[in-house]
Amino acid sequence: MAAAPELVVQHDAEALATDVAARTIATLTHAQQGRGRAAIALTAGSIMESVWKALAASPSNDAVDWGRVDVFWGDERFVAADSPDRNVLAAQQLLLDHAPFSAARHRPMPASDGEYGNDLDAAAAGYSATLADARRPDDPDNQPAFDVVLLGVGPDGHCCSLFPEHPGLYDDSNTVIPVRNSPKPPPERLSLSFDGLNAAREIWVIASGEGKADAVALALGGAGRVQIPSAGAIGTKRTLWLVDRAAASKLPKHRYDPPVA
């Protein structure tokens, strides 16, 4: 049974991004020592862009052999490859298109003008197959047991493209699912299912700003995944909530007692 979520609170968004970057480097290095290749899944958002910038600026980023890192995605908007709505574009511009990170084996989710055309179901099945093909010898299931997922959380508590009270919450038909009628545009998306997400060894939920405070308080206060999907993101070895003081501001004092100064 997975351990209860842990909580780490940093002073502000900059300190949070720096901390996540340092933890990412350490986790990938440790994974390579134990399993040869490291596997990480990314999601998008403003705090994630800050994390990518912090990774790029870190003097320790060469501790990782980036040629032995597999980079996957937790979700993606199903739009054309050159659409500014694509989550992957910012990651490429800020990190993945630049050395040493460009040496990683990057596996983005399909675009609507890619090999599956605009067939959302085929694209979901195709990325599920991509995950299955990328398993390491000690990965137990039909996909990589990601060493870490960097998981953003929306103000409504959504994670990946799993939204509150949306049909995708109940779809465990595959590791990657098609999402239609998303409450946030664009309406068609690809997302890890909860089965796909929760195969990860570690899930880090990363939240910054007062706009995330309600979601953080509800998720860590016992809400279920139908109401607050991020509450249902549970790593097999560790679940870590990494937030700044603003995002932690509505937590009860027994969970987080902010410093006076």
Protein backbone atom coordinates (compact mmCIF):
# COMPACT_ATOMS: atom_id res chain seq x y z
CA MET A 1 0.00 0.00 0.00
CA ALA A 2 1.37 3.41 -0.98
CA ALA A 3 2.45 5.77 1.78
CA ALA A 4 0.44 8.87 2.62
CA PRO A 5 1.33 12.01 0.68
CA GLU A 6 4.23 14.05 2.02
CA LEU A 7 4.25 17.85 1.98
CA VAL A 8 7.12 20.25 1.39
CA VAL A 9 6.48 24.00 1.41
CA GLN A 10 8.91 26.50 -0.13
CA HIS A 11 8.91 30.26 0.35
CA ASP A 12 7.87 31.25 -3.17
CA ALA A 13 7.62 30.04 -6.77
CA GLU A 14 11.30 30.63 -7.50
CA ALA A 15 12.45 28.62 -4.50
CA LEU A 16 9.92 25.92 -5.39
CA ALA A 17 11.20 25.61 -8.97
CA THR A 18 14.81 25.44 -7.80
CA ASP A 19 13.94 22.72 -5.29
CA VAL A 20 12.02 20.64 -7.83
CA ALA A 21 14.88 20.91 -10.33
CA ALA A 22 17.41 19.73 -7.74
CA ARG A 23 15.18 16.83 -6.69
CA THR A 24 14.66 15.85 -10.33
CA ILE A 25 18.39 15.67 -10.99
CA ALA A 26 18.95 13.55 -7.88
CA THR A 27 16.06 11.21 -8.69
CA LEU A 28 17.09 10.63 -12.31
CA THR A 29 20.70 10.02 -11.27
CA HIS A 30 19.61 7.49 -8.66
CA ALA A 31 17.33 5.75 -11.18
CA GLN A 32 20.17 5.41 -13.68
CA GLN A 33 22.39 3.88 -11.03
CA GLY A 34 19.76 1.29 -10.21
CA ARG A 35 18.01 0.64 -13.52
CA GLY A 36 20.26 1.85 -16.30
CA ARG A 37 17.73 4.18 -17.89
CA ALA A 38 15.63 6.77 -16.10
CA ALA A 39 12.01 7.52 -17.01
CA ILE A 40 10.24 10.82 -16.31
CA ALA A 41 6.78 12.06 -17.30
CA LEU A 42 6.08 15.77 -17.68
CA THR A 43 3.02 17.97 -17.58
CA ALA A 44 2.72 21.63 -18.47
CA GLY A 45 1.89 24.87 -16.69
CA SER A 46 3.53 28.07 -15.55
CA ILE A 47 5.29 26.53 -12.55
CA MET A 48 6.56 23.72 -14.78
CA GLU A 49 8.10 26.27 -17.13
CA SER A 50 9.90 27.71 -14.12
CA VAL A 51 11.11 24.21 -13.24
CA TRP A 52 12.42 23.69 -16.77
CA LYS A 53 14.27 26.99 -16.60
CA ALA A 54 15.74 26.00 -13.23
CA LEU A 55 16.86 22.66 -14.68
CA ALA A 56 18.50 24.41 -17.60
CA ALA A 57 20.32 26.79 -15.24
CA SER A 58 21.37 24.19 -12.67
CA PRO A 59 25.15 23.65 -12.40
CA SER A 60 24.35 20.04 -11.45
CA ASN A 61 22.42 19.08 -14.57
CA ASP A 62 25.46 17.27 -15.97
CA ALA A 63 25.20 14.76 -13.11
CA VAL A 64 22.54 13.05 -15.22
CA ASP A 65 23.45 11.04 -18.31
CA TRP A 66 20.69 12.56 -20.44
CA GLY A 67 21.32 10.01 -23.16
CA ARG A 68 19.89 7.44 -20.73
CA VAL A 69 16.71 9.37 -19.90
CA ASP A 70 13.28 8.66 -21.41
CA VAL A 71 10.97 11.69 -21.37
CA PHE A 72 7.22 11.02 -21.63
CA TRP A 73 4.10 13.16 -21.23
CA GLY A 74 1.18 12.91 -18.84
CA ASP A 75 -1.21 14.66 -21.21
CA GLU A 76 -1.38 16.71 -24.38
CA ARG A 77 -3.83 18.84 -26.31
CA PHE A 78 -4.86 17.00 -29.50
CA VAL A 79 -4.06 19.75 -31.96
CA ALA A 80 -1.63 20.20 -34.85
CA ALA A 81 2.06 19.74 -34.09
CA ASP A 82 2.83 23.43 -34.66
CA SER A 83 -0.12 24.74 -32.64
CA PRO A 84 0.82 27.06 -29.77
CA ASP A 85 -1.67 25.05 -27.68
CA ARG A 86 0.68 22.05 -27.61
CA ASN A 87 2.11 21.46 -24.14
CA VAL A 88 5.33 20.11 -25.54
CA LEU A 89 6.39 23.29 -27.33
CA ALA A 90 7.42 25.23 -24.23
CA ALA A 91 9.36 22.25 -22.90
CA GLN A 92 11.23 21.98 -26.17
CA GLN A 93 11.97 25.69 -26.34
CA LEU A 94 13.11 25.98 -22.73
CA LEU A 95 14.80 22.62 -22.22
CA LEU A 96 14.54 19.63 -24.52
CA ASP A 97 15.92 21.18 -27.70
CA HIS A 98 19.11 22.26 -25.93
CA ALA A 99 22.21 20.37 -24.80
CA PRO A 100 22.62 18.37 -22.65
CA PHE A 101 18.87 17.66 -22.44
CA SER A 102 18.52 17.12 -26.19
CA ALA A 103 20.33 13.81 -25.75
CA ALA A 104 17.29 12.39 -23.94
CA ARG A 105 14.96 10.00 -25.74
CA HIS A 106 11.90 12.23 -25.97
CA ARG A 107 8.53 10.62 -26.66
CA PRO A 108 5.86 13.32 -27.14
CA MET A 109 2.21 12.41 -27.45
CA PRO A 110 0.76 12.37 -30.99
CA ALA A 111 -0.55 15.51 -32.70
CA SER A 112 -3.77 15.70 -34.69
CA ASP A 113 -1.79 15.97 -37.94
CA GLY A 114 0.62 13.17 -37.05
CA GLU A 115 0.76 9.49 -37.89
CA TYR A 116 -2.77 8.81 -36.58
CA GLY A 117 -4.34 11.83 -38.27
CA ASN A 118 -7.26 13.27 -36.34
CA ASP A 119 -8.29 9.85 -34.94
CA LEU A 120 -8.17 10.54 -31.20
CA ASP A 121 -8.81 6.92 -30.21
CA ALA A 122 -6.03 5.64 -32.46
CA ALA A 123 -3.66 8.27 -31.06
CA ALA A 124 -4.41 7.18 -27.48
CA ALA A 125 -3.89 3.53 -28.37
CA GLY A 126 -0.70 4.44 -30.21
CA TYR A 127 0.82 6.23 -27.23
CA SER A 128 -0.18 3.34 -24.97
CA ALA A 129 1.80 1.10 -27.33
CA THR A 130 4.72 3.54 -27.21
CA LEU A 131 4.74 3.25 -23.43
CA ALA A 132 4.57 -0.54 -23.57
CA ASP A 133 7.52 -0.64 -25.99
CA ALA A 134 9.60 1.59 -23.70
CA ARG A 135 9.44 -0.66 -20.64
CA ARG A 136 12.67 -1.47 -18.84
CA PRO A 137 13.43 -5.05 -17.80
CA ASP A 138 12.30 -4.48 -14.20
CA ASP A 139 9.13 -2.51 -15.01
CA PRO A 140 6.30 -4.73 -13.75
CA ASP A 141 3.36 -3.81 -15.95
CA ASN A 142 2.55 -2.86 -19.54
CA GLN A 143 4.23 0.55 -19.38
CA PRO A 144 7.30 2.16 -17.84
CA ALA A 145 7.01 2.56 -14.08
CA PHE A 146 8.04 6.21 -14.35
CA ASP A 147 10.72 7.05 -11.82
CA VAL A 148 8.96 10.37 -11.31
CA VAL A 149 6.00 12.29 -12.70
CA LEU A 150 6.12 16.08 -12.42
CA LEU A 151 2.41 16.68 -12.05
CA GLY A 152 0.77 20.07 -12.18
CA VAL A 153 -2.58 20.77 -10.55
CA GLY A 154 -5.27 23.14 -11.78
CA PRO A 155 -7.30 25.54 -9.65
CA ASP A 156 -10.17 23.03 -9.95
CA GLY A 157 -7.92 20.21 -8.76
CA HIS A 158 -7.49 18.56 -12.17
CA CYS A 159 -4.28 16.76 -13.09
CA CYS A 160 -3.11 15.62 -16.51
CA SER A 161 -6.38 16.02 -18.47
CA LEU A 162 -8.42 14.31 -15.76
CA PHE A 163 -11.06 16.84 -14.74
CA PRO A 164 -13.52 16.86 -11.81
CA GLU A 165 -16.63 14.75 -12.47
CA HIS A 166 -15.54 14.13 -16.07
CA PRO A 167 -15.95 10.71 -17.75
CA GLY A 168 -12.18 10.32 -18.11
CA LEU A 169 -11.92 9.79 -14.36
CA TYR A 170 -13.61 6.41 -14.77
CA ASP A 171 -11.78 5.27 -17.91
CA ASP A 172 -9.09 2.73 -17.11
CA SER A 173 -9.44 0.94 -20.44
CA ASN A 174 -5.80 1.68 -21.28
CA THR A 175 -2.77 3.49 -19.91
CA VAL A 176 -3.54 6.45 -22.21
CA ILE A 177 -7.10 7.55 -22.85
CA PRO A 178 -8.87 9.90 -25.26
CA VAL A 179 -10.48 12.90 -23.58
CA ARG A 180 -13.41 14.57 -25.31
CA ASN A 181 -15.44 17.60 -24.30
CA SER A 182 -12.75 18.86 -21.98
CA PRO A 183 -14.07 21.65 -19.73
CA LYS A 184 -10.97 23.59 -20.72
CA PRO A 185 -10.18 24.23 -24.38
CA PRO A 186 -9.19 22.62 -26.62
CA PRO A 187 -11.90 19.99 -26.22
CA GLU A 188 -9.91 16.97 -27.43
CA ARG A 189 -6.90 15.74 -25.48
CA LEU A 190 -4.80 12.71 -24.66
CA SER A 191 -4.14 11.81 -21.04
CA LEU A 192 -2.68 9.12 -18.87
CA SER A 193 -5.50 7.28 -17.14
CA PHE A 194 -5.30 6.85 -13.39
CA ASP A 195 -3.99 3.33 -14.04
CA GLY A 196 -1.27 4.78 -16.25
CA LEU A 197 -0.43 7.64 -13.89
CA ASN A 198 -0.39 5.63 -10.69
CA ALA A 199 2.07 3.07 -12.04
CA ALA A 200 4.76 5.70 -11.34
CA ARG A 201 7.21 5.05 -8.55
CA GLU A 202 7.04 8.67 -7.45
CA ILE A 203 4.45 11.35 -8.20
CA TRP A 204 5.27 14.94 -7.29
CA VAL A 205 2.32 17.31 -7.34
CA ILE A 206 3.67 20.82 -7.83
CA ALA A 207 1.55 23.88 -7.08
CA SER A 208 2.29 27.59 -6.84
CA GLY A 209 0.14 30.60 -6.04
CA GLU A 210 -3.03 31.42 -4.13
CA GLY A 211 -5.12 30.24 -7.07
CA LYS A 212 -4.13 26.66 -6.23
CA ALA A 213 -4.71 26.95 -2.47
CA ASP A 214 -8.26 25.55 -2.46
CA ALA A 215 -7.27 22.56 -4.56
CA VAL A 216 -4.24 21.83 -2.37
CA ALA A 217 -6.31 22.07 0.83
CA LEU A 218 -9.04 19.82 -0.53
CA ALA A 219 -6.67 17.22 -1.97
CA LEU A 220 -4.63 16.96 1.22
CA GLY A 221 -7.76 17.18 3.35
CA GLY A 222 -9.20 13.89 2.16
CA ALA A 223 -11.19 14.77 -0.98
CA GLY A 224 -11.79 11.95 -3.43
CA ARG A 225 -10.51 11.86 -6.98
CA VAL A 226 -13.94 12.51 -8.52
CA GLN A 227 -14.11 15.89 -6.81
CA ILE A 228 -10.36 16.67 -6.86
CA PRO A 229 -8.58 14.42 -9.37
CA SER A 230 -5.10 15.33 -8.12
CA ALA A 231 -6.03 13.67 -4.82
CA GLY A 232 -6.12 10.37 -6.71
CA ALA A 233 -2.55 10.66 -8.01
CA ILE A 234 -0.62 8.20 -5.84
CA GLY A 235 2.87 6.89 -6.58
CA THR A 236 3.73 3.29 -5.76
CA LYS A 237 6.71 4.34 -3.64
CA ARG A 238 6.12 8.00 -2.82
CA THR A 239 3.67 10.83 -3.33
CA LEU A 240 5.10 14.28 -2.68
CA TRP A 241 3.27 17.59 -2.73
CA LEU A 242 5.75 20.39 -3.45
CA VAL A 243 4.10 23.78 -3.04
CA ASP A 244 4.90 27.36 -2.16
CA ARG A 245 3.51 29.25 0.83
CA ALA A 246 0.75 30.84 -1.22
CA ALA A 247 -0.52 27.45 -2.44
CA ALA A 248 -0.32 26.14 1.13
CA SER A 249 -2.17 29.10 2.63
CA LYS A 250 -5.50 27.29 3.15
CA LEU A 251 -4.12 24.14 4.70
CA PRO A 252 -5.14 23.54 8.32
CA LYS A 253 -2.47 24.33 10.90
CA HIS A 254 -2.02 20.69 11.86
CA ARG A 255 -0.81 20.12 8.28
CA TYR A 256 1.10 23.36 7.72
CA ASP A 257 1.74 26.09 10.26
CA PRO A 258 3.30 29.00 8.35
CA PRO A 259 6.21 30.88 9.92
CA VAL A 260 5.46 34.26 11.50
CA ALA A 261 8.08 36.15 9.51
